[in-house]
Amino acid sequence: DEAAHVKAYTKEFIIFGSYSIVRKWLL
């Protein structure tokens, strides 16, 4: 039920947080 902008921020957080973890792991 979150507002569209909250969903957009959540998506960014998940994408770039996960990317950062995967990058650190892989390197």
PDB file of all heavy atoms in Angstrom:
ATOM      1  N   ASP A   1       0.794  -1.218   0.000  1.00  0.00           N
ATOM      2  CA  ASP A   1       0.000   0.000   0.000  1.00  0.00           C
ATOM      3  C   ASP A   1       0.832   1.277   0.000  1.00  0.00           C
ATOM      4  O   ASP A   1       0.271   2.371   0.091  1.00  0.00           O
ATOM      5  CB  ASP A   1      -0.925   0.006   1.239  1.00  0.00           C
ATOM      6  CG  ASP A   1      -1.919  -1.151   1.193  1.00  0.00           C
ATOM      7  OD1 ASP A   1      -2.274  -1.574   0.079  1.00  0.00           O
ATOM      8  OD2 ASP A   1      -2.317  -1.617   2.270  1.00  0.00           O
ATOM      9  N   GLU A   2       2.147   1.166  -0.070  1.00  0.00           N
ATOM     10  CA  GLU A   2       2.984   2.354  -0.035  1.00  0.00           C
ATOM     11  C   GLU A   2       2.744   3.243  -1.262  1.00  0.00           C
ATOM     12  O   GLU A   2       2.335   2.775  -2.308  1.00  0.00           O
ATOM     13  CB  GLU A   2       4.480   1.970   0.004  1.00  0.00           C
ATOM     14  CG  GLU A   2       4.918   1.278   1.270  1.00  0.00           C
ATOM     15  CD  GLU A   2       4.852  -0.227   1.123  1.00  0.00           C
ATOM     16  OE1 GLU A   2       4.629  -0.728   0.006  1.00  0.00           O
ATOM     17  OE2 GLU A   2       4.993  -0.910   2.144  1.00  0.00           O
ATOM     18  N   ALA A   3       3.054   4.492  -1.091  1.00  0.00           N
ATOM     19  CA  ALA A   3       2.956   5.438  -2.202  1.00  0.00           C
ATOM     20  C   ALA A   3       4.003   5.090  -3.259  1.00  0.00           C
ATOM     21  O   ALA A   3       5.003   4.439  -2.967  1.00  0.00           O
ATOM     22  CB  ALA A   3       3.174   6.853  -1.686  1.00  0.00           C
ATOM     23  N   ALA A   4       3.765   5.553  -4.465  1.00  0.00           N
ATOM     24  CA  ALA A   4       4.658   5.242  -5.591  1.00  0.00           C
ATOM     25  C   ALA A   4       6.095   5.671  -5.315  1.00  0.00           C
ATOM     26  O   ALA A   4       7.040   4.944  -5.635  1.00  0.00           O
ATOM     27  CB  ALA A   4       4.144   5.900  -6.867  1.00  0.00           C
ATOM     28  N   HIS A   5       6.277   6.854  -4.705  1.00  0.00           N
ATOM     29  CA  HIS A   5       7.643   7.312  -4.449  1.00  0.00           C
ATOM     30  C   HIS A   5       8.342   6.437  -3.406  1.00  0.00           C
ATOM     31  O   HIS A   5       9.539   6.201  -3.486  1.00  0.00           O
ATOM     32  CB  HIS A   5       7.670   8.791  -4.046  1.00  0.00           C
ATOM     33  CG  HIS A   5       7.162   9.082  -2.688  1.00  0.00           C
ATOM     34  ND1 HIS A   5       5.813   9.120  -2.391  1.00  0.00           N
ATOM     35  CD2 HIS A   5       7.812   9.329  -1.533  1.00  0.00           C
ATOM     36  CE1 HIS A   5       5.666   9.396  -1.106  1.00  0.00           C
ATOM     37  NE2 HIS A   5       6.858   9.524  -0.554  1.00  0.00           N
ATOM     38  N   VAL A   6       7.607   5.900  -2.449  1.00  0.00           N
ATOM     39  CA  VAL A   6       8.191   5.006  -1.445  1.00  0.00           C
ATOM     40  C   VAL A   6       8.626   3.706  -2.122  1.00  0.00           C
ATOM     41  O   VAL A   6       9.719   3.187  -1.857  1.00  0.00           O
ATOM     42  CB  VAL A   6       7.201   4.729  -0.291  1.00  0.00           C
ATOM     43  CG1 VAL A   6       7.747   3.674   0.660  1.00  0.00           C
ATOM     44  CG2 VAL A   6       6.878   6.014   0.452  1.00  0.00           C
ATOM     45  N   LYS A   7       7.788   3.193  -3.019  1.00  0.00           N
ATOM     46  CA  LYS A   7       8.145   1.974  -3.755  1.00  0.00           C
ATOM     47  C   LYS A   7       9.397   2.209  -4.604  1.00  0.00           C
ATOM     48  O   LYS A   7      10.266   1.349  -4.685  1.00  0.00           O
ATOM     49  CB  LYS A   7       6.984   1.526  -4.638  1.00  0.00           C
ATOM     50  CG  LYS A   7       5.826   0.942  -3.865  1.00  0.00           C
ATOM     51  CD  LYS A   7       4.728   0.502  -4.812  1.00  0.00           C
ATOM     52  CE  LYS A   7       3.529  -0.013  -4.046  1.00  0.00           C
ATOM     53  NZ  LYS A   7       2.472  -0.481  -4.931  1.00  0.00           N
ATOM     54  N   ALA A   8       9.477   3.378  -5.230  1.00  0.00           N
ATOM     55  CA  ALA A   8      10.632   3.692  -6.069  1.00  0.00           C
ATOM     56  C   ALA A   8      11.917   3.739  -5.238  1.00  0.00           C
ATOM     57  O   ALA A   8      12.953   3.200  -5.647  1.00  0.00           O
ATOM     58  CB  ALA A   8      10.421   5.014  -6.798  1.00  0.00           C
ATOM     59  N   TYR A   9      11.848   4.361  -4.065  1.00  0.00           N
ATOM     60  CA  TYR A   9      13.023   4.419  -3.192  1.00  0.00           C
ATOM     61  C   TYR A   9      13.386   3.032  -2.671  1.00  0.00           C
ATOM     62  O   TYR A   9      14.563   2.677  -2.566  1.00  0.00           O
ATOM     63  CB  TYR A   9      12.795   5.366  -2.015  1.00  0.00           C
ATOM     64  CG  TYR A   9      12.812   6.824  -2.403  1.00  0.00           C
ATOM     65  CD1 TYR A   9      11.780   7.674  -2.032  1.00  0.00           C
ATOM     66  CD2 TYR A   9      13.864   7.363  -3.133  1.00  0.00           C
ATOM     67  CE1 TYR A   9      11.788   9.011  -2.384  1.00  0.00           C
ATOM     68  CE2 TYR A   9      13.889   8.694  -3.491  1.00  0.00           C
ATOM     69  CZ  TYR A   9      12.848   9.519  -3.112  1.00  0.00           C
ATOM     70  OH  TYR A   9      12.870  10.839  -3.451  1.00  0.00           O
ATOM     71  N   THR A  10      12.394   2.249  -2.343  1.00  0.00           N
ATOM     72  CA  THR A  10      12.631   0.894  -1.860  1.00  0.00           C
ATOM     73  C   THR A  10      13.319   0.065  -2.933  1.00  0.00           C
ATOM     74  O   THR A  10      14.276  -0.667  -2.660  1.00  0.00           O
ATOM     75  CB  THR A  10      11.306   0.227  -1.423  1.00  0.00           C
ATOM     76  OG1 THR A  10      10.693   1.028  -0.420  1.00  0.00           O
ATOM     77  CG2 THR A  10      11.537  -1.173  -0.894  1.00  0.00           C
ATOM     78  N   LYS A  11      12.855   0.198  -4.150  1.00  0.00           N
ATOM     79  CA  LYS A  11      13.449  -0.533  -5.264  1.00  0.00           C
ATOM     80  C   LYS A  11      14.921  -0.135  -5.445  1.00  0.00           C
ATOM     81  O   LYS A  11      15.786  -0.995  -5.604  1.00  0.00           O
ATOM     82  CB  LYS A  11      12.657  -0.270  -6.546  1.00  0.00           C
ATOM     83  CG  LYS A  11      13.077  -1.101  -7.717  1.00  0.00           C
ATOM     84  CD  LYS A  11      12.142  -0.857  -8.899  1.00  0.00           C
ATOM     85  CE  LYS A  11      12.509  -1.716 -10.079  1.00  0.00           C
ATOM     86  NZ  LYS A  11      11.602  -1.551 -11.212  1.00  0.00           N
ATOM     87  N   GLU A  12      15.200   1.151  -5.395  1.00  0.00           N
ATOM     88  CA  GLU A  12      16.584   1.626  -5.512  1.00  0.00           C
ATOM     89  C   GLU A  12      17.456   1.062  -4.395  1.00  0.00           C
ATOM     90  O   GLU A  12      18.577   0.625  -4.620  1.00  0.00           O
ATOM     91  CB  GLU A  12      16.637   3.160  -5.464  1.00  0.00           C
ATOM     92  CG  GLU A  12      16.154   3.836  -6.715  1.00  0.00           C
ATOM     93  CD  GLU A  12      17.078   3.624  -7.897  1.00  0.00           C
ATOM     94  OE1 GLU A  12      18.289   3.913  -7.782  1.00  0.00           O
ATOM     95  OE2 GLU A  12      16.589   3.157  -8.946  1.00  0.00           O
ATOM     96  N   PHE A  13      16.911   1.076  -3.183  1.00  0.00           N
ATOM     97  CA  PHE A  13      17.637   0.567  -2.025  1.00  0.00           C
ATOM     98  C   PHE A  13      17.974  -0.908  -2.209  1.00  0.00           C
ATOM     99  O   PHE A  13      19.115  -1.334  -1.997  1.00  0.00           O
ATOM    100  CB  PHE A  13      16.797   0.767  -0.763  1.00  0.00           C
ATOM    101  CG  PHE A  13      17.428   0.240   0.488  1.00  0.00           C
ATOM    102  CD1 PHE A  13      18.397   0.974   1.158  1.00  0.00           C
ATOM    103  CD2 PHE A  13      17.055  -0.998   0.994  1.00  0.00           C
ATOM    104  CE1 PHE A  13      18.978   0.487   2.305  1.00  0.00           C
ATOM    105  CE2 PHE A  13      17.640  -1.486   2.150  1.00  0.00           C
ATOM    106  CZ  PHE A  13      18.603  -0.745   2.811  1.00  0.00           C
ATOM    107  N   ILE A  14      17.016  -1.687  -2.625  1.00  0.00           N
ATOM    108  CA  ILE A  14      17.230  -3.121  -2.814  1.00  0.00           C
ATOM    109  C   ILE A  14      18.222  -3.370  -3.949  1.00  0.00           C
ATOM    110  O   ILE A  14      19.157  -4.170  -3.812  1.00  0.00           O
ATOM    111  CB  ILE A  14      15.893  -3.846  -3.077  1.00  0.00           C
ATOM    112  CG1 ILE A  14      15.024  -3.813  -1.810  1.00  0.00           C
ATOM    113  CG2 ILE A  14      16.127  -5.286  -3.535  1.00  0.00           C
ATOM    114  CD1 ILE A  14      13.593  -4.290  -2.031  1.00  0.00           C
ATOM    115  N   ILE A  15      18.050  -2.688  -5.064  1.00  0.00           N
ATOM    116  CA  ILE A  15      18.914  -2.899  -6.226  1.00  0.00           C
ATOM    117  C   ILE A  15      20.363  -2.550  -5.901  1.00  0.00           C
ATOM    118  O   ILE A  15      21.272  -3.360  -6.088  1.00  0.00           O
ATOM    119  CB  ILE A  15      18.428  -2.069  -7.437  1.00  0.00           C
ATOM    120  CG1 ILE A  15      17.127  -2.640  -7.968  1.00  0.00           C
ATOM    121  CG2 ILE A  15      19.495  -2.030  -8.535  1.00  0.00           C
ATOM    122  CD1 ILE A  15      16.448  -1.746  -8.992  1.00  0.00           C
ATOM    123  N   PHE A  16      20.592  -1.338  -5.421  1.00  0.00           N
ATOM    124  CA  PHE A  16      21.967  -0.904  -5.225  1.00  0.00           C
ATOM    125  C   PHE A  16      22.596  -1.489  -3.969  1.00  0.00           C
ATOM    126  O   PHE A  16      23.807  -1.715  -3.932  1.00  0.00           O
ATOM    127  CB  PHE A  16      22.066   0.618  -5.283  1.00  0.00           C
ATOM    128  CG  PHE A  16      21.927   1.109  -6.698  1.00  0.00           C
ATOM    129  CD1 PHE A  16      20.717   1.575  -7.167  1.00  0.00           C
ATOM    130  CD2 PHE A  16      22.990   1.036  -7.573  1.00  0.00           C
ATOM    131  CE1 PHE A  16      20.574   1.989  -8.488  1.00  0.00           C
ATOM    132  CE2 PHE A  16      22.863   1.448  -8.891  1.00  0.00           C
ATOM    133  CZ  PHE A  16      21.652   1.916  -9.352  1.00  0.00           C
ATOM    134  N   GLY A  17      21.798  -1.790  -2.953  1.00  0.00           N
ATOM    135  CA  GLY A  17      22.323  -2.491  -1.789  1.00  0.00           C
ATOM    136  C   GLY A  17      22.759  -3.898  -2.168  1.00  0.00           C
ATOM    137  O   GLY A  17      23.852  -4.348  -1.801  1.00  0.00           O
ATOM    138  N   SER A  18      21.920  -4.585  -2.916  1.00  0.00           N
ATOM    139  CA  SER A  18      22.257  -5.942  -3.369  1.00  0.00           C
ATOM    140  C   SER A  18      23.465  -5.908  -4.302  1.00  0.00           C
ATOM    141  O   SER A  18      24.365  -6.749  -4.195  1.00  0.00           O
ATOM    142  CB  SER A  18      21.067  -6.579  -4.085  1.00  0.00           C
ATOM    143  OG  SER A  18      19.976  -6.707  -3.207  1.00  0.00           O
ATOM    144  N   TYR A  19      23.491  -4.938  -5.200  1.00  0.00           N
ATOM    145  CA  TYR A  19      24.626  -4.799  -6.109  1.00  0.00           C
ATOM    146  C   TYR A  19      25.924  -4.620  -5.320  1.00  0.00           C
ATOM    147  O   TYR A  19      26.938  -5.258  -5.613  1.00  0.00           O
ATOM    148  CB  TYR A  19      24.426  -3.608  -7.055  1.00  0.00           C
ATOM    149  CG  TYR A  19      25.709  -3.199  -7.722  1.00  0.00           C
ATOM    150  CD1 TYR A  19      26.208  -3.930  -8.791  1.00  0.00           C
ATOM    151  CD2 TYR A  19      26.440  -2.121  -7.264  1.00  0.00           C
ATOM    152  CE1 TYR A  19      27.398  -3.583  -9.396  1.00  0.00           C
ATOM    153  CE2 TYR A  19      27.634  -1.771  -7.856  1.00  0.00           C
ATOM    154  CZ  TYR A  19      28.116  -2.496  -8.915  1.00  0.00           C
ATOM    155  OH  TYR A  19      29.300  -2.161  -9.505  1.00  0.00           O
ATOM    156  N   SER A  20      25.888  -3.782  -4.307  1.00  0.00           N
ATOM    157  CA  SER A  20      27.080  -3.523  -3.507  1.00  0.00           C
ATOM    158  C   SER A  20      27.567  -4.794  -2.815  1.00  0.00           C
ATOM    159  O   SER A  20      28.767  -5.081  -2.777  1.00  0.00           O
ATOM    160  CB  SER A  20      26.779  -2.430  -2.483  1.00  0.00           C
ATOM    161  OG  SER A  20      27.927  -2.127  -1.742  1.00  0.00           O
ATOM    162  N   ILE A  21      26.648  -5.562  -2.279  1.00  0.00           N
ATOM    163  CA  ILE A  21      27.012  -6.823  -1.627  1.00  0.00           C
ATOM    164  C   ILE A  21      27.600  -7.800  -2.645  1.00  0.00           C
ATOM    165  O   ILE A  21      28.645  -8.413  -2.407  1.00  0.00           O
ATOM    166  CB  ILE A  21      25.788  -7.442  -0.915  1.00  0.00           C
ATOM    167  CG1 ILE A  21      25.399  -6.583   0.290  1.00  0.00           C
ATOM    168  CG2 ILE A  21      26.079  -8.890  -0.487  1.00  0.00           C
ATOM    169  CD1 ILE A  21      24.064  -6.965   0.911  1.00  0.00           C
ATOM    170  N   VAL A  22      26.946  -7.946  -3.790  1.00  0.00           N
ATOM    171  CA  VAL A  22      27.416  -8.885  -4.818  1.00  0.00           C
ATOM    172  C   VAL A  22      28.790  -8.461  -5.325  1.00  0.00           C
ATOM    173  O   VAL A  22      29.684  -9.295  -5.505  1.00  0.00           O
ATOM    174  CB  VAL A  22      26.396  -8.996  -5.974  1.00  0.00           C
ATOM    175  CG1 VAL A  22      26.978  -9.758  -7.158  1.00  0.00           C
ATOM    176  CG2 VAL A  22      25.119  -9.666  -5.480  1.00  0.00           C
ATOM    177  N   ARG A  23      28.975  -7.179  -5.531  1.00  0.00           N
ATOM    178  CA  ARG A  23      30.264  -6.681  -6.013  1.00  0.00           C
ATOM    179  C   ARG A  23      31.365  -6.978  -5.005  1.00  0.00           C
ATOM    180  O   ARG A  23      32.426  -7.485  -5.351  1.00  0.00           O
ATOM    181  CB  ARG A  23      30.175  -5.187  -6.286  1.00  0.00           C
ATOM    182  CG  ARG A  23      31.424  -4.605  -6.922  1.00  0.00           C
ATOM    183  CD  ARG A  23      31.197  -3.134  -7.280  1.00  0.00           C
ATOM    184  NE  ARG A  23      32.271  -2.617  -8.073  1.00  0.00           N
ATOM    185  CZ  ARG A  23      33.368  -2.058  -7.562  1.00  0.00           C
ATOM    186  NH1 ARG A  23      33.505  -1.940  -6.264  1.00  0.00           N
ATOM    187  NH2 ARG A  23      34.311  -1.609  -8.363  1.00  0.00           N
ATOM    188  N   LYS A  24      31.126  -6.662  -3.740  1.00  0.00           N
ATOM    189  CA  LYS A  24      32.115  -6.925  -2.687  1.00  0.00           C
ATOM    190  C   LYS A  24      32.416  -8.417  -2.604  1.00  0.00           C
ATOM    191  O   LYS A  24      33.572  -8.823  -2.488  1.00  0.00           O
ATOM    192  CB  LYS A  24      31.604  -6.401  -1.349  1.00  0.00           C
ATOM    193  CG  LYS A  24      32.575  -6.575  -0.193  1.00  0.00           C
ATOM    194  CD  LYS A  24      32.021  -5.962   1.070  1.00  0.00           C
ATOM    195  CE  LYS A  24      32.948  -6.124   2.244  1.00  0.00           C
ATOM    196  NZ  LYS A  24      34.079  -5.229   2.205  1.00  0.00           N
ATOM    197  N   TRP A  25      31.378  -9.233  -2.683  1.00  0.00           N
ATOM    198  CA  TRP A  25      31.529 -10.689  -2.621  1.00  0.00           C
ATOM    199  C   TRP A  25      32.361 -11.201  -3.792  1.00  0.00           C
ATOM    200  O   TRP A  25      33.308 -11.963  -3.612  1.00  0.00           O
ATOM    201  CB  TRP A  25      30.138 -11.335  -2.605  1.00  0.00           C
ATOM    202  CG  TRP A  25      30.092 -12.787  -2.938  1.00  0.00           C
ATOM    203  CD1 TRP A  25      30.621 -13.811  -2.203  1.00  0.00           C
ATOM    204  CD2 TRP A  25      29.482 -13.391  -4.082  1.00  0.00           C
ATOM    205  NE1 TRP A  25      30.362 -15.022  -2.820  1.00  0.00           N
ATOM    206  CE2 TRP A  25      29.665 -14.783  -3.973  1.00  0.00           C
ATOM    207  CE3 TRP A  25      28.782 -12.886  -5.179  1.00  0.00           C
ATOM    208  CZ2 TRP A  25      29.176 -15.676  -4.924  1.00  0.00           C
ATOM    209  CZ3 TRP A  25      28.292 -13.770  -6.111  1.00  0.00           C
ATOM    210  CH2 TRP A  25      28.496 -15.145  -5.984  1.00  0.00           C
ATOM    211  N   LEU A  26      32.017 -10.780  -4.981  1.00  0.00           N
ATOM    212  CA  LEU A  26      32.677 -11.298  -6.172  1.00  0.00           C
ATOM    213  C   LEU A  26      34.139 -10.859  -6.262  1.00  0.00           C
ATOM    214  O   LEU A  26      34.982 -11.588  -6.765  1.00  0.00           O
ATOM    215  CB  LEU A  26      31.921 -10.857  -7.429  1.00  0.00           C
ATOM    216  CG  LEU A  26      32.213 -11.634  -8.690  1.00  0.00           C
ATOM    217  CD1 LEU A  26      31.898 -13.112  -8.509  1.00  0.00           C
ATOM    218  CD2 LEU A  26      31.405 -11.078  -9.841  1.00  0.00           C
ATOM    219  N   LEU A  27      34.437  -9.671  -5.744  1.00  0.00           N
ATOM    220  CA  LEU A  27      35.802  -9.163  -5.815  1.00  0.00           C
ATOM    221  C   LEU A  27      36.664  -9.612  -4.632  1.00  0.00           C
ATOM    222  O   LEU A  27      37.856  -9.334  -4.600  1.00  0.00           O
ATOM    223  CB  LEU A  27      35.786  -7.635  -5.903  1.00  0.00           C
ATOM    224  CG  LEU A  27      35.104  -7.068  -7.159  1.00  0.00           C
ATOM    225  CD1 LEU A  27      35.061  -5.550  -7.107  1.00  0.00           C
ATOM    226  CD2 LEU A  27      35.771  -7.559  -8.428  1.00  0.00           C
TER     227      LEU A  27
END
